Every structure is written in structure tokens, then in C-alpha cells.
Protein backbone atom coordinates (compact mmCIF):
# COMPACT_ATOMS: atom_id res chain seq x y z
CA MET A 1 1.12 13.04 -13.16
CA ILE A 2 -2.53 12.02 -12.95
CA ILE A 3 -4.05 9.55 -10.47
CA GLU A 4 -6.81 7.97 -12.52
CA ARG A 5 -10.19 7.63 -10.85
CA ARG A 6 -10.11 3.85 -10.74
CA PHE A 7 -7.05 3.93 -8.46
CA ASN A 8 -8.97 5.41 -5.54
CA GLY A 9 -8.62 4.68 -1.85
CA PRO A 10 -11.09 6.60 0.30
CA PRO A 11 -13.93 8.04 -1.79
CA GLY A 12 -12.76 10.88 -4.01
CA SER A 13 -9.02 10.46 -3.43
CA GLY A 14 -6.21 8.25 -4.67
CA ASN A 15 -5.12 5.07 -2.95
CA GLY A 16 -2.12 6.08 -0.87
CA GLY A 17 0.21 3.32 -2.02
CA TRP A 18 -0.62 3.68 -5.71
CA SER A 19 -0.31 7.47 -5.54
CA ALA A 20 3.00 7.26 -3.67
CA GLY A 21 4.32 4.87 -6.31
CA VAL A 22 3.42 7.30 -9.08
CA PHE A 23 5.08 10.16 -7.20
CA ALA A 24 8.21 8.11 -6.45
CA ALA A 25 8.58 7.14 -10.12
CA ALA A 26 8.47 10.82 -11.08
CA TYR A 27 11.02 11.67 -8.39
CA GLY A 28 13.48 9.02 -9.61
CA GLY A 29 16.80 8.36 -7.91
CA ASP A 30 18.83 5.23 -7.33
CA GLY A 31 17.53 4.24 -3.90
CA PRO A 32 14.27 4.03 -1.95
CA VAL A 33 12.10 7.15 -1.80
CA GLU A 34 10.05 8.27 1.20
CA VAL A 35 6.67 9.76 0.31
CA THR A 36 4.75 11.76 2.91
CA LEU A 37 1.14 12.51 1.99
CA ARG A 38 0.07 15.99 3.10
CA ARG A 39 -3.38 15.94 1.52
CA PRO A 40 -5.56 13.23 -0.02
CA PRO A 41 -4.29 12.79 -3.60
CA PRO A 42 -6.95 14.18 -5.96
CA LEU A 43 -8.24 12.03 -8.79
CA ASP A 44 -8.10 12.87 -12.50
CA THR A 45 -6.18 16.04 -11.70
CA PRO A 46 -2.85 17.14 -13.24
CA LEU A 47 -0.19 17.16 -10.53
CA THR A 48 3.33 18.51 -10.80
CA LEU A 49 6.58 17.67 -9.00
CA VAL A 50 8.53 20.79 -8.04
CA ASP A 51 11.45 20.81 -5.60
CA ALA A 52 10.52 17.37 -4.20
CA GLN A 53 6.91 18.46 -3.62
CA VAL A 54 3.84 17.24 -5.49
CA ARG A 55 1.45 20.14 -6.05
CA ASP A 56 -2.07 20.44 -7.45
CA PRO A 57 -3.09 23.13 -9.97
CA ALA A 58 -3.84 25.57 -7.11
CA GLY A 59 -0.32 25.11 -5.74
CA GLU A 60 -1.38 23.11 -2.68
CA VAL A 61 1.20 20.56 -1.51
CA ILE A 62 -0.14 17.03 -1.91
CA ALA A 63 3.02 15.12 -1.00
CA GLN A 64 6.65 15.60 -0.08
CA LEU A 65 9.43 13.28 -1.21
CA ARG A 66 12.99 12.61 -0.12
CA PRO A 67 15.58 9.83 -0.33
CA ALA A 68 14.99 7.17 2.29
CA GLY A 69 17.36 5.33 4.58
CA ASP A 70 17.16 1.76 5.79
CA LEU A 71 13.69 0.23 5.51
CA GLY A 72 14.17 -2.20 8.38
CA GLU A 73 13.57 -5.91 8.40
CA ALA A 74 11.27 -7.63 5.91
CA VAL A 75 8.15 -9.36 7.16
CA PRO A 76 8.71 -13.13 6.81
CA PRO A 77 6.72 -14.89 4.08
CA VAL A 78 4.10 -17.60 4.41
CA ASP A 79 3.04 -20.15 1.84
CA LEU A 80 0.13 -19.51 -0.48
CA ALA A 81 -2.23 -21.88 1.34
CA THR A 82 -1.61 -20.09 4.65
CA ALA A 83 -2.18 -16.71 3.00
CA ARG A 84 -5.45 -17.91 1.49
CA ALA A 85 -6.65 -19.26 4.84
CA ALA A 86 -5.87 -15.94 6.54
CA SER A 87 -7.59 -14.01 3.76
CA ALA A 88 -10.79 -15.97 4.25
CA ALA A 89 -11.12 -14.25 7.66
CA TYR A 90 -10.40 -10.76 6.30
CA PRO A 91 -12.26 -8.38 8.64
CA GLY A 92 -12.91 -5.96 5.78
CA LEU A 93 -15.46 -8.41 4.38
CA VAL A 94 -17.64 -7.62 7.40
CA GLU A 95 -16.75 -4.00 8.16
CA HIS A 96 -14.60 -1.82 5.90
CA PRO A 97 -14.02 1.95 6.26
CA PHE A 98 -13.49 2.33 2.49
CA PRO A 99 -15.10 -0.67 0.73
CA GLY A 100 -14.46 0.81 -2.71
CA CYS A 101 -10.66 0.94 -2.25
CA TYR A 102 -8.79 -0.18 -5.38
CA VAL A 103 -6.42 -2.35 -3.33
CA CYS A 104 -8.44 -3.93 -0.52
CA GLY A 105 -12.07 -2.98 -1.15
CA PRO A 106 -14.49 -5.93 -1.38
CA GLU A 107 -16.81 -3.87 -3.60
CA ARG A 108 -14.18 -3.57 -6.35
CA ALA A 109 -14.42 -6.41 -8.83
CA ASP A 110 -11.83 -4.56 -10.95
CA GLY A 111 -9.36 -3.88 -8.11
CA LEU A 112 -6.43 -5.84 -6.74
CA ARG A 113 -8.75 -7.47 -4.19
CA ILE A 114 -6.03 -7.98 -1.59
CA PHE A 115 -7.82 -9.13 1.56
CA PRO A 116 -5.33 -9.36 4.46
CA GLY A 117 -6.35 -11.54 7.35
CA ARG A 118 -4.59 -12.03 10.69
CA LEU A 119 -2.17 -14.85 11.36
CA PRO A 120 -1.91 -16.31 14.88
CA ASP A 121 1.22 -14.23 15.57
CA GLY A 122 -0.56 -10.96 14.68
CA ARG A 123 0.91 -10.54 11.22
CA THR A 124 -1.38 -10.13 8.23
CA ALA A 125 -1.20 -12.22 5.08
CA ALA A 126 -3.04 -12.37 1.78
CA PRO A 127 -2.67 -13.81 -1.71
CA VAL A 128 -2.04 -11.29 -4.48
CA ARG A 129 -2.88 -12.08 -8.09
CA ALA A 130 -0.65 -9.90 -10.28
CA PRO A 131 -2.86 -8.01 -12.78
CA ARG A 132 -2.38 -8.12 -16.54
CA GLN A 133 -0.45 -4.85 -16.44
CA VAL A 134 2.15 -4.61 -13.68
CA GLU A 135 4.17 -1.47 -12.95
CA ASP A 136 6.05 -0.07 -9.98
CA ALA A 137 2.92 1.64 -8.64
CA THR A 138 1.21 -1.78 -8.57
CA ILE A 139 3.83 -3.01 -6.10
CA TRP A 140 3.56 0.14 -3.97
CA ALA A 141 -0.21 -0.40 -3.85
CA ALA A 142 0.14 -4.07 -2.91
CA LEU A 143 2.52 -3.08 -0.09
CA ASP A 144 0.11 -0.44 1.24
CA CYS A 145 -3.14 -1.79 2.68
CA PRO A 146 -1.81 -5.06 4.19
CA GLY A 147 0.17 -2.91 6.62
CA GLY A 148 -2.86 -0.86 7.55
CA TRP A 149 -4.88 -3.97 8.30
CA ALA A 150 -2.29 -4.93 10.92
CA VAL A 151 -3.77 -2.12 13.05
CA ILE A 152 -7.23 -1.32 11.61
CA GLY A 153 -10.00 -2.62 13.85
CA ALA A 154 -13.77 -2.38 14.11
CA GLY A 155 -14.70 1.29 14.34
CA ARG A 156 -11.02 2.27 14.18
CA PRO A 157 -10.15 3.52 10.68
CA TYR A 158 -6.63 4.54 9.66
CA VAL A 159 -5.24 6.20 6.53
CA LEU A 160 -1.75 6.13 5.07
CA GLY A 161 0.45 9.05 6.08
CA ARG A 162 3.93 8.03 4.89
CA ILE A 163 5.41 5.13 2.95
CA THR A 164 8.80 4.05 1.65
CA ALA A 165 9.14 1.06 -0.67
CA ARG A 166 11.96 -0.89 -2.24
CA ILE A 167 11.14 -2.99 -5.31
CA GLU A 168 13.37 -5.97 -6.08
CA THR A 169 11.62 -7.09 -9.25
CA LEU A 170 8.15 -7.13 -10.81
CA PRO A 171 6.00 -10.26 -10.81
CA ARG A 172 4.73 -11.74 -14.03
CA PRO A 173 1.10 -10.96 -14.89
CA GLY A 174 -1.11 -13.65 -13.39
CA ASP A 175 1.41 -14.77 -10.76
CA ASP A 176 -0.13 -15.77 -7.42
CA CYS A 177 2.03 -13.86 -4.96
CA VAL A 178 1.85 -13.46 -1.18
CA VAL A 179 1.98 -10.27 0.88
CA THR A 180 2.62 -10.10 4.62
CA GLY A 181 2.29 -7.18 7.01
CA ALA A 182 3.28 -6.49 10.62
CA LEU A 183 2.64 -3.80 13.19
CA ILE A 184 5.98 -2.53 14.53
CA GLY A 185 4.67 -0.05 17.10
CA THR A 186 2.31 2.82 17.86
CA GLU A 187 2.72 6.38 19.06
CA GLY A 188 -0.46 8.30 19.77
CA ARG A 189 -2.52 8.28 16.57
CA LYS A 190 0.39 6.89 14.54
CA ALA A 191 0.96 3.22 13.73
CA PHE A 192 4.25 2.02 12.24
CA VAL A 193 4.06 -1.01 9.96
CA HIS A 194 6.19 -3.08 7.59
CA THR A 195 4.99 -5.07 4.57
CA SER A 196 6.69 -7.50 2.22
CA LEU A 197 5.65 -9.06 -1.10
CA TYR A 198 6.86 -12.45 -2.30
CA THR A 199 6.64 -14.76 -5.29
CA PRO A 200 4.76 -18.06 -4.81
CA ASP A 201 8.08 -19.77 -3.99
CA GLY A 202 9.09 -17.17 -1.39
CA ARG A 203 11.46 -14.93 -3.36
CA PRO A 204 11.17 -11.23 -2.38
CA LEU A 205 9.51 -8.80 -4.79
CA GLY A 206 9.39 -5.74 -2.55
CA HIS A 207 9.39 -4.39 0.98
CA ALA A 208 7.95 -1.25 2.58
CA ARG A 209 7.71 0.62 5.82
CA ALA A 210 4.82 2.97 6.45
CA THR A 211 3.13 5.22 8.97
CA TRP A 212 -0.64 5.08 9.26
CA ILE A 213 -2.72 7.74 11.00
CA ALA A 214 -5.93 7.11 12.96
CA VAL A 215 -8.82 9.27 11.75
């Protein structure tokens, strides 16, 4: 496995959702997979999966994987117009801890450019334009950052620590989809979030639960 440089999150490391999707695909299995990131996934580096652990060439554990249980409730959808209105107030356009992130970074013209803004009930929502090439890792990535932005605030950066995703189906390239996120609770430096991805007419594409860690 190699996380290509363009799929970065924080500078010098892979986007957590994309990386987890790559690791989960290598792990296989019939049900959802839980991916716990132990170190920032390195870019352009051969990684191996051994005994449910992703390791770098030096043998350091990058991630641990295991079958997942119930993912909990999906985050309800909103229509595309509501998602676009929320996205216009995306706080990352003003202050972003990692503005070059492949998923939510405003500096990335070649990224997914998912800009989650807050809804009145505290959920996040954003439109998602499916890229020309869609794979499972694309869905994991789209389900990543919108959950983080349910808790990220000014001067309060978080990074992904653990994520589990279930993919129902892949969107067609060019589809205008909608992603929603919700903060479920906090415990010390940990924030627990859910995210859900939908087609333009509200059919589910995928759902995830994740743990984000304040840094």
C-alpha cells in the first residue's frame, strides 16, 4: 500500500479518512472495519499489512484494524440547497489548521473541496462533487473531515484517531452528493462523531463513526 502525496491531510502525512479507506480495503472482510491510526500515515512510502497492523518499512505500527460492530445511527440528510448554504459559511475558509488537506483544504484546487458548515441544530453539511475516479477510499475520505468540523473551532485543531465506515454504494462520477456530520459526545481530548453521505435525492451512500483527538 502507498498513500500518494496528493492524498495528504496535515502537511507531510496522509489524510486520515483516505488512508483508513486504503487500509480497510487491504484488510478485506465482509463487514465494517475499524481503523485506529497510531501514527500519521507517511506519504509515498510502501506500507504492509501484517496481523491486522499496518507497518512502515522500519516496522513502526501506523494503524491497527479489526472488525467493527454497530456504527450507530446515520446523520439525517439535508437537501443540496441547504448543504450549499451551510458550506458558504464554512469556518475553514477563514481559519484552517491544515489548509492543504486533500478533503477539506481551501488551498487545494485538485482536492475534494468538501467545506462543511454548521446547520442551526449543530450538525455540519456540505455538497460533495464525486470526482472522475471514485473508489472506496474516496467515500472514506468524504466521511472523514465533515465529522471533525462538528467539533473543530477557532484555535482548537483536532486530528482523526479512529474511524469505521460502511459503504452502501459508490456515487457516479460528477454526482452532486451531500454529506452531513454530527458531534455525538466528548471525553477529555476525544470527540465522537458520526457522518453520512447521500445521493442528491437522499439515498444513503455511506455512514461512519469516528473519534477525533484534540492536538
